[in-house]
N, C-alpha and C. Protein backbone atom coordinates (compact mmCIF):
# COMPACT_ATOMS: atom_id res chain seq x y z
N UNK A 1 -47.15 -71.16 -27.21
CA UNK A 1 -48.01 -71.85 -28.14
C UNK A 1 -47.81 -73.36 -28.03
N UNK A 2 -46.59 -73.78 -27.80
CA UNK A 2 -46.30 -75.20 -27.72
C UNK A 2 -47.10 -75.85 -26.60
N UNK A 3 -47.10 -75.24 -25.43
CA UNK A 3 -47.82 -75.84 -24.30
C UNK A 3 -49.33 -75.85 -24.52
N UNK A 4 -49.85 -74.82 -25.17
CA UNK A 4 -51.29 -74.79 -25.46
C UNK A 4 -51.67 -75.91 -26.42
N UNK A 5 -50.86 -76.11 -27.44
CA UNK A 5 -51.13 -77.19 -28.40
C UNK A 5 -51.02 -78.55 -27.73
N UNK A 6 -50.06 -78.70 -26.83
CA UNK A 6 -49.93 -79.95 -26.08
C UNK A 6 -51.19 -80.24 -25.26
N UNK A 7 -51.71 -79.21 -24.61
CA UNK A 7 -52.90 -79.39 -23.77
C UNK A 7 -54.12 -79.76 -24.59
N UNK A 8 -54.31 -79.07 -25.70
CA UNK A 8 -55.48 -79.35 -26.55
C UNK A 8 -55.38 -80.75 -27.14
N UNK A 9 -54.21 -81.09 -27.67
CA UNK A 9 -54.03 -82.42 -28.26
C UNK A 9 -54.18 -83.49 -27.19
N UNK A 10 -53.62 -83.27 -26.02
CA UNK A 10 -53.74 -84.24 -24.93
C UNK A 10 -55.18 -84.45 -24.52
N UNK A 11 -55.94 -83.37 -24.44
CA UNK A 11 -57.35 -83.49 -24.07
C UNK A 11 -58.13 -84.27 -25.12
N UNK A 12 -57.88 -83.97 -26.38
CA UNK A 12 -58.56 -84.68 -27.46
C UNK A 12 -58.21 -86.16 -27.47
N UNK A 13 -56.93 -86.45 -27.27
CA UNK A 13 -56.50 -87.86 -27.27
C UNK A 13 -57.08 -88.62 -26.09
N UNK A 14 -57.24 -87.95 -24.96
CA UNK A 14 -57.79 -88.64 -23.79
C UNK A 14 -59.26 -89.00 -23.99
N UNK A 15 -59.96 -88.25 -24.83
CA UNK A 15 -61.38 -88.50 -25.08
C UNK A 15 -61.62 -89.46 -26.23
N UNK A 16 -60.60 -89.68 -27.05
CA UNK A 16 -60.75 -90.48 -28.26
C UNK A 16 -60.73 -91.96 -27.91
N UNK A 17 -61.83 -92.63 -28.10
CA UNK A 17 -61.94 -94.05 -27.80
C UNK A 17 -61.62 -94.85 -29.06
N UNK A 18 -60.34 -95.07 -29.29
CA UNK A 18 -59.91 -95.82 -30.46
C UNK A 18 -58.60 -96.52 -30.15
N UNK A 19 -58.39 -97.67 -30.75
CA UNK A 19 -57.12 -98.36 -30.54
C UNK A 19 -55.96 -97.60 -31.19
N UNK A 20 -56.26 -96.69 -32.12
CA UNK A 20 -55.24 -95.86 -32.75
C UNK A 20 -54.72 -94.78 -31.81
N UNK A 21 -55.47 -94.44 -30.78
CA UNK A 21 -55.11 -93.34 -29.89
C UNK A 21 -53.74 -93.55 -29.24
N UNK A 22 -53.39 -94.79 -28.92
CA UNK A 22 -52.13 -95.06 -28.21
C UNK A 22 -50.92 -94.60 -29.00
N UNK A 23 -50.92 -94.81 -30.33
CA UNK A 23 -49.74 -94.39 -31.11
C UNK A 23 -49.63 -92.88 -31.15
N UNK A 24 -50.75 -92.17 -31.17
CA UNK A 24 -50.72 -90.71 -31.14
C UNK A 24 -50.26 -90.21 -29.78
N UNK A 25 -50.72 -90.84 -28.72
CA UNK A 25 -50.31 -90.46 -27.38
C UNK A 25 -48.81 -90.67 -27.20
N UNK A 26 -48.30 -91.81 -27.65
CA UNK A 26 -46.87 -92.09 -27.54
C UNK A 26 -46.04 -91.07 -28.30
N UNK A 27 -46.46 -90.71 -29.49
CA UNK A 27 -45.75 -89.72 -30.29
C UNK A 27 -45.80 -88.36 -29.63
N UNK A 28 -46.95 -87.97 -29.09
CA UNK A 28 -47.08 -86.69 -28.39
C UNK A 28 -46.13 -86.63 -27.21
N UNK A 29 -46.07 -87.69 -26.43
CA UNK A 29 -45.19 -87.73 -25.27
C UNK A 29 -43.73 -87.63 -25.69
N UNK A 30 -43.36 -88.33 -26.75
CA UNK A 30 -41.98 -88.27 -27.24
C UNK A 30 -41.61 -86.88 -27.71
N UNK A 31 -42.52 -86.23 -28.43
CA UNK A 31 -42.26 -84.86 -28.90
C UNK A 31 -42.16 -83.88 -27.74
N UNK A 32 -43.04 -84.04 -26.76
CA UNK A 32 -43.03 -83.17 -25.59
C UNK A 32 -41.71 -83.32 -24.83
N UNK A 33 -41.29 -84.55 -24.63
CA UNK A 33 -40.04 -84.81 -23.91
C UNK A 33 -38.85 -84.21 -24.66
N UNK A 34 -38.79 -84.43 -25.96
CA UNK A 34 -37.68 -83.89 -26.76
C UNK A 34 -37.67 -82.36 -26.74
N UNK A 35 -38.86 -81.75 -26.80
CA UNK A 35 -38.93 -80.29 -26.80
C UNK A 35 -38.42 -79.73 -25.48
N UNK A 36 -38.88 -80.29 -24.37
CA UNK A 36 -38.45 -79.78 -23.07
C UNK A 36 -36.97 -80.05 -22.82
N UNK A 37 -36.45 -81.17 -23.30
CA UNK A 37 -35.01 -81.43 -23.17
C UNK A 37 -34.21 -80.36 -23.92
N UNK A 38 -34.63 -80.03 -25.13
CA UNK A 38 -33.92 -79.01 -25.91
C UNK A 38 -34.12 -77.63 -25.29
N UNK A 39 -35.32 -77.32 -24.87
CA UNK A 39 -35.64 -76.01 -24.31
C UNK A 39 -34.86 -75.73 -23.03
N UNK A 40 -34.64 -76.76 -22.23
CA UNK A 40 -33.96 -76.60 -20.94
C UNK A 40 -32.44 -76.60 -21.04
N UNK A 41 -31.88 -76.72 -22.23
CA UNK A 41 -30.44 -76.58 -22.40
C UNK A 41 -30.04 -75.13 -22.17
N UNK A 42 -28.77 -74.92 -21.86
CA UNK A 42 -28.33 -73.54 -21.69
C UNK A 42 -28.37 -72.83 -23.05
N UNK A 43 -28.40 -71.51 -23.00
CA UNK A 43 -28.59 -70.70 -24.21
C UNK A 43 -27.57 -71.00 -25.30
N UNK A 44 -26.35 -71.31 -24.92
CA UNK A 44 -25.29 -71.54 -25.91
C UNK A 44 -25.51 -72.82 -26.70
N UNK A 45 -26.11 -73.82 -26.08
CA UNK A 45 -26.27 -75.10 -26.78
C UNK A 45 -27.69 -75.37 -27.26
N UNK A 46 -28.64 -74.52 -26.89
CA UNK A 46 -30.03 -74.68 -27.34
C UNK A 46 -30.14 -74.33 -28.82
N UNK A 47 -30.89 -75.14 -29.55
CA UNK A 47 -31.09 -74.89 -30.98
C UNK A 47 -32.55 -74.52 -31.24
N UNK A 48 -32.76 -73.29 -31.69
CA UNK A 48 -34.11 -72.87 -32.05
C UNK A 48 -34.63 -73.65 -33.25
N UNK A 49 -33.74 -74.10 -34.12
CA UNK A 49 -34.14 -74.90 -35.27
C UNK A 49 -34.74 -76.23 -34.81
N UNK A 50 -34.13 -76.83 -33.82
CA UNK A 50 -34.65 -78.09 -33.28
C UNK A 50 -36.01 -77.85 -32.63
N UNK A 51 -36.12 -76.78 -31.85
CA UNK A 51 -37.41 -76.46 -31.22
C UNK A 51 -38.49 -76.22 -32.26
N UNK A 52 -38.15 -75.46 -33.31
CA UNK A 52 -39.12 -75.21 -34.38
C UNK A 52 -39.54 -76.50 -35.07
N UNK A 53 -38.59 -77.38 -35.30
CA UNK A 53 -38.90 -78.66 -35.95
C UNK A 53 -39.83 -79.50 -35.07
N UNK A 54 -39.57 -79.53 -33.78
CA UNK A 54 -40.43 -80.29 -32.88
C UNK A 54 -41.84 -79.70 -32.82
N UNK A 55 -41.94 -78.38 -32.84
CA UNK A 55 -43.26 -77.74 -32.88
C UNK A 55 -43.98 -78.07 -34.18
N UNK A 56 -43.25 -78.08 -35.29
CA UNK A 56 -43.85 -78.45 -36.57
C UNK A 56 -44.35 -79.89 -36.54
N UNK A 57 -43.57 -80.80 -35.96
CA UNK A 57 -43.99 -82.19 -35.86
C UNK A 57 -45.25 -82.32 -35.00
N UNK A 58 -45.32 -81.54 -33.93
CA UNK A 58 -46.52 -81.58 -33.08
C UNK A 58 -47.74 -81.06 -33.83
N UNK A 59 -47.58 -79.99 -34.59
CA UNK A 59 -48.71 -79.48 -35.39
C UNK A 59 -49.14 -80.52 -36.42
N UNK A 60 -48.18 -81.18 -37.04
CA UNK A 60 -48.49 -82.22 -38.01
C UNK A 60 -49.23 -83.38 -37.34
N UNK A 61 -48.80 -83.75 -36.14
CA UNK A 61 -49.48 -84.80 -35.38
C UNK A 61 -50.92 -84.38 -35.06
N UNK A 62 -51.12 -83.13 -34.70
CA UNK A 62 -52.47 -82.63 -34.40
C UNK A 62 -53.35 -82.68 -35.63
N UNK A 63 -52.81 -82.33 -36.78
CA UNK A 63 -53.57 -82.38 -38.04
C UNK A 63 -53.93 -83.83 -38.37
N UNK A 64 -52.97 -84.74 -38.21
CA UNK A 64 -53.23 -86.16 -38.48
C UNK A 64 -54.30 -86.69 -37.52
N UNK A 65 -54.21 -86.30 -36.26
CA UNK A 65 -55.22 -86.71 -35.27
C UNK A 65 -56.60 -86.21 -35.67
N UNK A 66 -56.69 -84.94 -36.04
CA UNK A 66 -57.98 -84.37 -36.43
C UNK A 66 -58.54 -85.09 -37.65
N UNK A 67 -57.69 -85.41 -38.60
CA UNK A 67 -58.14 -86.12 -39.80
C UNK A 67 -58.62 -87.52 -39.46
N UNK A 68 -57.89 -88.19 -38.59
CA UNK A 68 -58.24 -89.56 -38.19
C UNK A 68 -59.57 -89.58 -37.44
N UNK A 69 -59.77 -88.63 -36.55
CA UNK A 69 -61.03 -88.56 -35.81
C UNK A 69 -62.17 -88.22 -36.76
N UNK A 70 -61.93 -87.30 -37.66
CA UNK A 70 -62.96 -86.95 -38.63
C UNK A 70 -63.35 -88.12 -39.50
N UNK A 71 -62.37 -88.91 -39.93
CA UNK A 71 -62.64 -90.08 -40.75
C UNK A 71 -63.41 -91.13 -39.97
N UNK A 72 -63.05 -91.34 -38.70
CA UNK A 72 -63.75 -92.35 -37.90
C UNK A 72 -65.17 -91.89 -37.59
N UNK A 73 -65.37 -90.59 -37.38
CA UNK A 73 -66.72 -90.07 -37.14
C UNK A 73 -67.58 -90.17 -38.38
N UNK A 74 -67.00 -89.92 -39.54
CA UNK A 74 -67.75 -90.03 -40.79
C UNK A 74 -68.19 -91.46 -41.04
N UNK A 75 -67.35 -92.42 -40.64
CA UNK A 75 -67.69 -93.83 -40.81
C UNK A 75 -68.75 -94.31 -39.87
N UNK A 76 -68.98 -93.61 -38.76
CA UNK A 76 -69.95 -94.02 -37.76
C UNK A 76 -71.35 -93.47 -38.00
N UNK A 77 -71.51 -92.60 -38.96
CA UNK A 77 -72.82 -92.00 -39.21
C UNK A 77 -73.73 -92.99 -39.93
N UNK A 78 -75.02 -93.00 -39.54
CA UNK A 78 -75.97 -93.95 -40.17
C UNK A 78 -76.31 -93.58 -41.58
């Protein structure tokens, strides 16, 4: 699920023509990097709590992105 959410969010961010997009892209990249670093640890030192938290942060970022795009689209209507 994590990789699917990353792909969808990445695609949406790449299409979003806004100066706000860069902060969302930077946060997505940071979350992705942190998740893969934790995921690639050996079983004894990997923390599922950390992975769950990073997934939650990514979902929260996706919700914020969707809200921001919706607000900007609502402002552009004649």
